[in-house]
Amino acid sequence: MGTFDEAFISRIQLKLHYGEFTDNERKRLWRNLFRELERERGKSMRIVQSAKDYVLEGHEVRALQWNGREIKNGKTTTLNYYSQALMFTVELTRPLL
C-alpha cells in the first residue's frame, strides 16, 4: 500500500460529538478568548470590564448556551464588525445635540 492521494484525503470528513458545555466550561472558554485577545491586540484594543461581566455573568449570553465553535465565531464576527466600524469612525469635537 502506498500513500493516500491529496484529492482522496480532502474528501474525508469526520464528525465528533461533544456533550453540551456547562456554564463554568463556557466561562472558562470566554476567559481564555479574552486573554488571547489581550495578548494579541493589547496595544490596539481594550476589553472593558463591563463587557467581560456581561459575557461571563449576563443572563442573555448564558441563555444562548453556545458551544465552542459558536463562541469562537461570535468572537470573530465581533472583531470583524468593530474593525470595519473603526474605519468609518469620525472623532467628534463637540456633542451632536
N, C-alpha and C. Protein backbone atom coordinates (compact mmCIF):
# COMPACT_ATOMS: atom_id res chain seq x y z
N MET A 1 0.85 -1.17 0.00
CA MET A 1 0.00 0.00 0.00
C MET A 1 0.89 1.23 0.00
N GLY A 2 0.51 2.23 -0.72
CA GLY A 2 1.29 3.46 -0.80
C GLY A 2 0.71 4.53 0.10
N THR A 3 0.80 5.75 -0.35
CA THR A 3 0.24 6.88 0.39
C THR A 3 -1.10 7.26 -0.19
N PHE A 4 -1.88 8.01 0.58
CA PHE A 4 -3.18 8.47 0.11
C PHE A 4 -3.01 9.68 -0.79
N ASP A 5 -3.77 9.73 -1.83
CA ASP A 5 -3.79 10.86 -2.76
C ASP A 5 -4.41 12.07 -2.05
N GLU A 6 -3.89 13.28 -2.31
CA GLU A 6 -4.41 14.50 -1.68
C GLU A 6 -5.90 14.70 -1.97
N ALA A 7 -6.33 14.37 -3.19
CA ALA A 7 -7.75 14.53 -3.54
C ALA A 7 -8.62 13.61 -2.68
N PHE A 8 -8.13 12.41 -2.41
CA PHE A 8 -8.85 11.47 -1.57
C PHE A 8 -8.91 11.98 -0.13
N ILE A 9 -7.79 12.45 0.38
CA ILE A 9 -7.71 12.94 1.76
C ILE A 9 -8.62 14.14 1.96
N SER A 10 -8.72 15.01 0.96
CA SER A 10 -9.55 16.21 1.11
C SER A 10 -11.03 15.89 1.21
N ARG A 11 -11.42 14.69 0.85
CA ARG A 11 -12.84 14.32 0.90
C ARG A 11 -13.22 13.55 2.17
N ILE A 12 -12.26 13.28 2.99
CA ILE A 12 -12.54 12.56 4.24
C ILE A 12 -13.12 13.55 5.25
N GLN A 13 -14.24 13.18 5.83
CA GLN A 13 -14.88 14.01 6.84
C GLN A 13 -15.04 13.19 8.11
N LEU A 14 -14.89 13.85 9.21
CA LEU A 14 -15.03 13.20 10.49
C LEU A 14 -15.90 14.07 11.37
N LYS A 15 -16.93 13.49 11.91
CA LYS A 15 -17.82 14.23 12.78
C LYS A 15 -17.67 13.70 14.20
N LEU A 16 -17.32 14.61 15.10
CA LEU A 16 -17.17 14.25 16.50
C LEU A 16 -18.31 14.87 17.29
N HIS A 17 -18.82 14.13 18.22
CA HIS A 17 -19.90 14.66 19.06
C HIS A 17 -19.34 14.95 20.45
N TYR A 18 -19.59 16.16 20.89
CA TYR A 18 -19.22 16.56 22.24
C TYR A 18 -20.50 16.90 22.99
N GLY A 19 -20.51 16.60 24.25
CA GLY A 19 -21.66 16.98 25.06
C GLY A 19 -21.73 18.49 25.21
N GLU A 20 -22.87 18.96 25.67
CA GLU A 20 -23.03 20.41 25.84
C GLU A 20 -22.12 20.91 26.95
N PHE A 21 -21.66 22.15 26.80
CA PHE A 21 -20.84 22.78 27.82
C PHE A 21 -21.69 23.12 29.04
N THR A 22 -21.06 23.08 30.18
CA THR A 22 -21.69 23.64 31.38
C THR A 22 -21.42 25.15 31.37
N ASP A 23 -22.11 25.88 32.22
CA ASP A 23 -21.87 27.32 32.33
C ASP A 23 -20.41 27.60 32.70
N ASN A 24 -19.86 26.80 33.61
CA ASN A 24 -18.46 27.01 34.01
C ASN A 24 -17.49 26.74 32.87
N GLU A 25 -17.76 25.74 32.05
CA GLU A 25 -16.89 25.47 30.90
C GLU A 25 -16.96 26.61 29.88
N ARG A 26 -18.15 27.15 29.67
CA ARG A 26 -18.29 28.31 28.77
C ARG A 26 -17.53 29.52 29.30
N LYS A 27 -17.65 29.76 30.59
CA LYS A 27 -16.92 30.88 31.20
C LYS A 27 -15.42 30.71 31.01
N ARG A 28 -14.93 29.50 31.20
CA ARG A 28 -13.50 29.23 31.04
C ARG A 28 -13.06 29.51 29.59
N LEU A 29 -13.87 29.11 28.63
CA LEU A 29 -13.55 29.37 27.22
C LEU A 29 -13.56 30.87 26.93
N TRP A 30 -14.58 31.58 27.41
CA TRP A 30 -14.63 33.04 27.22
C TRP A 30 -13.41 33.71 27.84
N ARG A 31 -13.04 33.31 29.05
CA ARG A 31 -11.87 33.91 29.71
C ARG A 31 -10.61 33.68 28.88
N ASN A 32 -10.47 32.45 28.36
CA ASN A 32 -9.31 32.15 27.50
C ASN A 32 -9.31 33.03 26.26
N LEU A 33 -10.47 33.24 25.67
CA LEU A 33 -10.55 34.10 24.48
C LEU A 33 -10.22 35.55 24.83
N PHE A 34 -10.69 36.03 25.96
CA PHE A 34 -10.34 37.39 26.40
C PHE A 34 -8.83 37.53 26.57
N ARG A 35 -8.20 36.54 27.23
CA ARG A 35 -6.75 36.58 27.43
C ARG A 35 -6.02 36.56 26.09
N GLU A 36 -6.49 35.74 25.17
CA GLU A 36 -5.89 35.65 23.84
C GLU A 36 -5.98 37.00 23.12
N LEU A 37 -7.15 37.63 23.18
CA LEU A 37 -7.32 38.94 22.55
C LEU A 37 -6.41 39.99 23.16
N GLU A 38 -6.33 39.99 24.48
CA GLU A 38 -5.48 40.97 25.16
C GLU A 38 -4.01 40.74 24.83
N ARG A 39 -3.62 39.50 24.67
CA ARG A 39 -2.23 39.19 24.31
C ARG A 39 -1.94 39.60 22.87
N GLU A 40 -2.86 39.30 21.97
CA GLU A 40 -2.65 39.57 20.55
C GLU A 40 -2.87 41.03 20.17
N ARG A 41 -3.85 41.68 20.80
CA ARG A 41 -4.24 43.03 20.39
C ARG A 41 -4.21 44.04 21.53
N GLY A 42 -3.44 43.74 22.53
CA GLY A 42 -3.43 44.57 23.73
C GLY A 42 -3.13 46.03 23.49
N LYS A 43 -2.30 46.34 22.51
CA LYS A 43 -1.94 47.73 22.26
C LYS A 43 -2.99 48.46 21.44
N SER A 44 -3.78 47.72 20.68
CA SER A 44 -4.76 48.37 19.81
C SER A 44 -6.19 48.18 20.27
N MET A 45 -6.39 47.38 21.31
CA MET A 45 -7.75 47.07 21.75
C MET A 45 -7.77 46.83 23.25
N ARG A 46 -8.83 47.32 23.87
CA ARG A 46 -9.00 47.08 25.31
C ARG A 46 -10.42 46.60 25.52
N ILE A 47 -10.56 45.52 26.27
CA ILE A 47 -11.89 44.99 26.59
C ILE A 47 -12.25 45.50 27.97
N VAL A 48 -13.27 46.31 28.05
CA VAL A 48 -13.65 46.89 29.34
C VAL A 48 -14.28 45.82 30.23
N GLN A 49 -14.14 45.99 31.52
CA GLN A 49 -14.62 45.01 32.48
C GLN A 49 -16.13 44.80 32.36
N SER A 50 -16.89 45.86 32.07
CA SER A 50 -18.34 45.70 31.96
C SER A 50 -18.71 44.77 30.81
N ALA A 51 -17.92 44.77 29.73
CA ALA A 51 -18.18 43.85 28.62
C ALA A 51 -17.88 42.41 29.05
N LYS A 52 -16.79 42.23 29.77
CA LYS A 52 -16.45 40.89 30.27
C LYS A 52 -17.54 40.40 31.22
N ASP A 53 -17.99 41.28 32.11
CA ASP A 53 -19.03 40.90 33.06
C ASP A 53 -20.32 40.50 32.35
N TYR A 54 -20.66 41.24 31.29
CA TYR A 54 -21.87 40.94 30.53
C TYR A 54 -21.78 39.55 29.91
N VAL A 55 -20.64 39.24 29.32
CA VAL A 55 -20.46 37.95 28.67
C VAL A 55 -20.38 36.82 29.69
N LEU A 56 -19.65 37.04 30.78
CA LEU A 56 -19.42 35.97 31.75
C LEU A 56 -20.58 35.77 32.71
N GLU A 57 -21.31 36.84 33.03
CA GLU A 57 -22.35 36.74 34.06
C GLU A 57 -23.75 37.06 33.56
N GLY A 58 -23.86 37.62 32.37
CA GLY A 58 -25.16 38.05 31.87
C GLY A 58 -26.10 36.89 31.57
N HIS A 59 -27.34 37.06 31.92
CA HIS A 59 -28.35 36.01 31.69
C HIS A 59 -28.61 35.81 30.21
N GLU A 60 -28.55 36.89 29.43
CA GLU A 60 -28.83 36.80 27.99
C GLU A 60 -27.80 35.91 27.31
N VAL A 61 -26.53 36.12 27.61
CA VAL A 61 -25.47 35.33 26.98
C VAL A 61 -25.52 33.88 27.48
N ARG A 62 -25.74 33.70 28.75
CA ARG A 62 -25.82 32.35 29.31
C ARG A 62 -26.97 31.56 28.68
N ALA A 63 -28.09 32.23 28.41
CA ALA A 63 -29.26 31.56 27.83
C ALA A 63 -28.99 31.04 26.42
N LEU A 64 -28.00 31.62 25.73
CA LEU A 64 -27.69 31.16 24.38
C LEU A 64 -27.14 29.74 24.36
N GLN A 65 -26.44 29.36 25.41
CA GLN A 65 -25.83 28.03 25.55
C GLN A 65 -25.00 27.66 24.32
N TRP A 66 -24.13 28.59 23.92
CA TRP A 66 -23.27 28.35 22.76
C TRP A 66 -22.24 27.27 23.03
N ASN A 67 -21.88 26.57 21.97
CA ASN A 67 -20.77 25.61 22.06
C ASN A 67 -19.47 26.35 21.71
N GLY A 68 -18.35 25.65 21.73
CA GLY A 68 -17.07 26.27 21.49
C GLY A 68 -16.95 26.93 20.13
N ARG A 69 -17.45 26.26 19.09
CA ARG A 69 -17.39 26.82 17.74
C ARG A 69 -18.21 28.09 17.65
N GLU A 70 -19.39 28.10 18.25
CA GLU A 70 -20.24 29.29 18.21
C GLU A 70 -19.60 30.46 18.97
N ILE A 71 -18.94 30.16 20.07
CA ILE A 71 -18.27 31.21 20.83
C ILE A 71 -17.14 31.81 20.01
N LYS A 72 -16.32 30.95 19.38
CA LYS A 72 -15.22 31.47 18.55
C LYS A 72 -15.76 32.25 17.35
N ASN A 73 -16.84 31.77 16.74
CA ASN A 73 -17.45 32.50 15.63
C ASN A 73 -17.99 33.85 16.09
N GLY A 74 -18.57 33.89 17.29
CA GLY A 74 -19.06 35.16 17.84
C GLY A 74 -17.92 36.14 18.06
N LYS A 75 -16.80 35.65 18.56
CA LYS A 75 -15.63 36.49 18.75
C LYS A 75 -15.14 37.03 17.41
N THR A 76 -15.02 36.17 16.42
CA THR A 76 -14.53 36.58 15.10
C THR A 76 -15.47 37.58 14.45
N THR A 77 -16.77 37.34 14.53
CA THR A 77 -17.75 38.25 13.94
C THR A 77 -17.68 39.61 14.61
N THR A 78 -17.57 39.63 15.93
CA THR A 78 -17.49 40.89 16.67
C THR A 78 -16.23 41.66 16.28
N LEU A 79 -15.10 40.96 16.21
CA LEU A 79 -13.86 41.63 15.83
C LEU A 79 -13.94 42.20 14.43
N ASN A 80 -14.50 41.44 13.50
CA ASN A 80 -14.65 41.93 12.12
C ASN A 80 -15.57 43.13 12.06
N TYR A 81 -16.65 43.09 12.80
CA TYR A 81 -17.60 44.21 12.81
C TYR A 81 -16.92 45.47 13.32
N TYR A 82 -16.27 45.37 14.47
CA TYR A 82 -15.65 46.56 15.05
C TYR A 82 -14.44 47.04 14.26
N SER A 83 -13.73 46.13 13.62
CA SER A 83 -12.62 46.56 12.76
C SER A 83 -13.15 47.40 11.61
N GLN A 84 -14.26 46.97 11.02
CA GLN A 84 -14.87 47.75 9.93
C GLN A 84 -15.45 49.05 10.45
N ALA A 85 -16.10 48.99 11.61
CA ALA A 85 -16.71 50.19 12.17
C ALA A 85 -15.67 51.26 12.47
N LEU A 86 -14.49 50.83 12.94
CA LEU A 86 -13.43 51.79 13.25
C LEU A 86 -12.94 52.52 12.01
N MET A 87 -13.03 51.88 10.87
CA MET A 87 -12.60 52.52 9.63
C MET A 87 -13.48 53.71 9.29
N PHE A 88 -14.71 53.71 9.77
CA PHE A 88 -15.66 54.76 9.43
C PHE A 88 -15.97 55.69 10.61
N THR A 89 -15.23 55.54 11.69
CA THR A 89 -15.46 56.37 12.87
C THR A 89 -14.86 57.75 12.67
N VAL A 90 -15.63 58.75 12.99
CA VAL A 90 -15.16 60.13 12.91
C VAL A 90 -15.08 60.65 14.33
N GLU A 91 -13.98 61.26 14.67
CA GLU A 91 -13.83 61.81 16.00
C GLU A 91 -14.68 63.06 16.11
N LEU A 92 -15.53 63.09 17.11
CA LEU A 92 -16.40 64.26 17.32
C LEU A 92 -15.71 65.26 18.21
N THR A 93 -15.72 66.51 17.81
CA THR A 93 -15.09 67.53 18.62
C THR A 93 -16.10 68.26 19.48
N ARG A 94 -17.39 68.03 19.23
CA ARG A 94 -18.43 68.63 20.04
C ARG A 94 -19.61 67.67 20.09
N PRO A 95 -20.48 67.80 21.06
CA PRO A 95 -21.66 66.92 21.15
C PRO A 95 -22.55 67.06 19.94
N LEU A 96 -23.26 65.99 19.61
CA LEU A 96 -24.18 66.04 18.47
C LEU A 96 -25.38 66.92 18.73
N LEU A 97 -25.84 66.98 19.97
CA LEU A 97 -27.03 67.78 20.28
C LEU A 97 -26.69 69.03 21.02
